[in-house]
Amino acid sequence: MPITVSQKDYARAVGCCADTVCRRLRSVPYAGGARSRRYYVAAVLPTLTARERGNGAIQRLFDIATSDGTLFVGDEVIPVCRAFEDWLDTEQKERLTECRVNFTAALFEATSSSEIWQFVDALHLKLCLHPSICRFVVTGDDTELPDIDASFAFAFSLCNARHFENLTNKEAA
């Protein structure tokens, strides 16, 4: 699972009341059940006000967030990834592009299988939900950034390639 926060985590990190949290996160996608909602950090970042961003809420969200440490980032997360990418500023988009280029080169090293390459567009989008990559893209903190080598790229691809998220075939149809 990608890096996530609960409603209580969000309230503590941002410094807002429960009503504000509920209102802001009402339409934000989440993982888990009704009583154990976990919100993708990438999905909650756009809900922050400029004042909250300036007061360090982004760093506090990353510090309080949790991850299960797996490479799987979730199913049906393409809309979350697209909204997150739209929210990024120019410098953050450049860091995301850097990660995608490294991922593509590493995946090329790992395999030439056309089975994996048909999902590369979706994998590029999902890459931003990896906890360390998300932190690096948003904050520039590369201390936990994984080596995006052939083994990482291949493992990430195997965990996250889904036939229903083959963006190339959907757009061609």
Protein backbone atom coordinates (compact mmCIF):
# COMPACT_ATOMS: atom_id res chain seq x y z
CA MET A 1 0.00 0.00 0.00
CA PRO A 2 1.26 3.49 -0.75
CA ILE A 3 1.95 6.06 1.92
CA THR A 4 -1.32 6.89 3.69
CA VAL A 5 -2.82 8.86 6.57
CA SER A 6 -5.98 8.50 8.63
CA GLN A 7 -8.40 11.35 9.28
CA LYS A 8 -6.88 11.78 12.75
CA ASP A 9 -3.37 11.86 11.26
CA TYR A 10 -4.50 14.52 8.79
CA ALA A 11 -6.07 16.63 11.56
CA ARG A 12 -2.89 16.44 13.68
CA ALA A 13 -0.54 17.23 10.79
CA VAL A 14 -2.60 20.06 9.37
CA GLY A 15 -3.98 21.46 12.63
CA CYS A 16 -7.66 21.48 11.76
CA CYS A 17 -10.81 20.18 13.42
CA ALA A 18 -12.67 16.94 12.64
CA ASP A 19 -15.43 18.75 10.73
CA THR A 20 -12.89 20.39 8.41
CA VAL A 21 -11.16 17.06 7.84
CA CYS A 22 -14.46 15.35 6.96
CA ARG A 23 -15.42 18.16 4.60
CA ARG A 24 -12.06 18.22 2.83
CA LEU A 25 -11.69 14.45 2.51
CA ARG A 26 -15.30 13.71 1.58
CA SER A 27 -14.52 13.09 -2.10
CA VAL A 28 -10.90 11.97 -1.67
CA PRO A 29 -10.30 8.30 -2.61
CA TYR A 30 -9.25 6.04 0.23
CA ALA A 31 -8.16 2.49 0.91
CA GLY A 32 -9.63 0.25 3.57
CA GLY A 33 -13.14 -0.08 4.94
CA ALA A 34 -15.59 2.48 6.24
CA ARG A 35 -14.10 2.36 9.75
CA SER A 36 -10.46 2.04 8.73
CA ARG A 37 -10.09 4.61 5.98
CA ARG A 38 -6.55 5.36 4.90
CA TYR A 39 -6.10 8.27 2.51
CA TYR A 40 -3.28 8.39 -0.02
CA VAL A 41 -0.93 11.23 0.89
CA ALA A 42 -0.77 12.04 -2.81
CA ALA A 43 -4.56 12.52 -2.74
CA VAL A 44 -4.72 14.69 0.38
CA LEU A 45 -1.89 17.08 -0.48
CA PRO A 46 -4.04 19.06 -2.94
CA THR A 47 -6.58 19.69 -0.15
CA LEU A 48 -4.10 21.83 1.81
CA THR A 49 -4.42 25.60 1.76
CA ALA A 50 -1.45 27.79 0.84
CA ARG A 51 -1.15 28.85 4.49
CA GLU A 52 -1.03 25.24 5.68
CA ARG A 53 1.62 24.37 3.08
CA GLY A 54 3.66 27.36 4.23
CA ASN A 55 3.36 26.30 7.87
CA GLY A 56 4.96 22.89 7.27
CA ALA A 57 1.85 20.72 6.93
CA ILE A 58 3.35 18.83 4.00
CA GLN A 59 6.39 17.70 5.98
CA ARG A 60 4.20 16.81 8.98
CA LEU A 61 1.93 14.71 6.74
CA PHE A 62 4.91 12.77 5.44
CA ASP A 63 6.30 12.35 8.95
CA ILE A 64 3.02 11.02 10.36
CA ALA A 65 2.06 8.87 7.35
CA THR A 66 2.49 5.11 7.30
CA SER A 67 3.18 2.46 4.70
CA ASP A 68 3.20 -1.32 4.85
CA GLY A 69 6.51 -1.43 3.00
CA THR A 70 5.27 -3.37 -0.02
CA LEU A 71 5.71 -2.31 -3.64
CA PHE A 72 1.99 -2.66 -4.38
CA VAL A 73 0.42 0.80 -4.55
CA GLY A 74 -3.22 -0.19 -5.03
CA ASP A 75 -5.79 -0.89 -7.69
CA GLU A 76 -7.75 1.77 -9.53
CA VAL A 77 -5.43 4.58 -8.40
CA ILE A 78 -4.89 6.16 -11.83
CA PRO A 79 -7.25 9.10 -11.03
CA VAL A 80 -5.34 9.74 -7.78
CA CYS A 81 -2.04 9.75 -9.68
CA ARG A 82 -3.32 12.12 -12.36
CA ALA A 83 -4.76 14.57 -9.83
CA PHE A 84 -1.51 14.47 -7.85
CA GLU A 85 0.54 15.17 -10.97
CA ASP A 86 -1.73 18.12 -11.86
CA TRP A 87 -1.12 19.55 -8.37
CA LEU A 88 2.69 19.45 -8.63
CA ASP A 89 4.71 22.56 -9.42
CA THR A 90 7.36 22.66 -12.16
CA GLU A 91 10.27 21.59 -9.95
CA GLN A 92 8.30 18.68 -8.50
CA LYS A 93 7.25 17.56 -11.99
CA GLU A 94 10.91 17.56 -13.01
CA ARG A 95 11.75 15.25 -10.10
CA LEU A 96 8.87 12.94 -11.06
CA THR A 97 10.09 12.89 -14.66
CA GLU A 98 13.59 12.02 -13.44
CA CYS A 99 12.17 9.04 -11.53
CA ARG A 100 10.15 7.92 -14.55
CA VAL A 101 13.15 8.11 -16.86
CA ASN A 102 15.26 6.09 -14.42
CA PHE A 103 12.42 3.58 -14.03
CA THR A 104 12.03 3.16 -17.79
CA ALA A 105 15.76 2.66 -18.30
CA ALA A 106 15.89 0.15 -15.44
CA LEU A 107 12.86 -1.72 -16.76
CA PHE A 108 14.50 -1.89 -20.18
CA GLU A 109 17.54 -3.43 -18.49
CA ALA A 110 15.35 -5.93 -16.66
CA THR A 111 13.15 -7.21 -19.46
CA SER A 112 12.15 -6.90 -23.06
CA SER A 113 8.85 -8.70 -22.49
CA SER A 114 6.03 -7.02 -24.35
CA GLU A 115 3.70 -8.17 -21.59
CA ILE A 116 5.18 -5.67 -19.13
CA TRP A 117 5.72 -2.87 -21.66
CA GLN A 118 2.01 -2.68 -22.49
CA PHE A 119 1.47 -1.33 -18.95
CA VAL A 120 4.30 1.20 -18.90
CA ASP A 121 1.99 4.24 -19.09
CA ALA A 122 0.02 3.12 -16.04
CA LEU A 123 3.22 2.15 -14.23
CA HIS A 124 4.67 5.62 -14.88
CA LEU A 125 1.58 7.13 -13.26
CA LYS A 126 1.61 4.73 -10.29
CA LEU A 127 5.29 5.34 -9.58
CA CYS A 128 4.41 8.56 -7.72
CA LEU A 129 2.53 6.55 -5.07
CA HIS A 130 5.64 4.69 -3.92
CA PRO A 131 6.27 6.17 -0.44
CA SER A 132 9.89 7.25 -0.95
CA ILE A 133 9.33 8.47 -4.49
CA CYS A 134 6.28 10.50 -3.41
CA ARG A 135 8.33 12.11 -0.62
CA PHE A 136 11.20 12.85 -3.01
CA VAL A 137 8.93 14.34 -5.67
CA VAL A 138 7.13 16.64 -3.23
CA THR A 139 9.90 17.63 -0.82
CA GLY A 140 13.15 16.86 -2.64
CA ASP A 141 14.19 14.57 0.24
CA ASP A 142 16.11 11.72 -1.38
CA THR A 143 17.37 10.04 1.82
CA GLU A 144 14.94 7.11 1.46
CA LEU A 145 14.78 7.09 -2.33
CA PRO A 146 15.25 3.53 -3.58
CA ASP A 147 17.84 2.62 -6.17
CA ILE A 148 15.70 2.57 -9.26
CA ASP A 149 17.56 -0.33 -10.81
CA ALA A 150 16.49 -3.34 -12.86
CA SER A 151 15.37 -5.38 -9.87
CA PHE A 152 13.27 -2.54 -8.42
CA ALA A 153 11.69 -1.72 -11.79
CA PHE A 154 10.84 -5.33 -12.57
CA ALA A 155 9.43 -6.02 -9.08
CA PHE A 156 7.40 -2.79 -9.09
CA SER A 157 6.02 -3.69 -12.52
CA LEU A 158 5.03 -7.19 -11.48
CA CYS A 159 3.25 -5.88 -8.39
CA ASN A 160 1.38 -3.06 -10.12
CA ALA A 161 0.64 -4.04 -13.74
CA ARG A 162 -3.10 -4.60 -14.16
CA HIS A 163 -4.84 -5.59 -17.38
CA PHE A 164 -7.75 -3.26 -16.67
CA GLU A 165 -5.26 -0.37 -16.49
CA ASN A 166 -3.66 -0.87 -19.89
CA LEU A 167 -3.86 2.79 -20.90
CA THR A 168 -2.35 2.29 -24.34
CA ASN A 169 -5.07 -0.06 -25.55
CA LYS A 170 -7.87 1.97 -23.96
CA GLU A 171 -6.81 5.15 -25.71
CA ALA A 172 -6.35 3.40 -29.05
CA ALA A 173 -9.81 1.82 -28.91
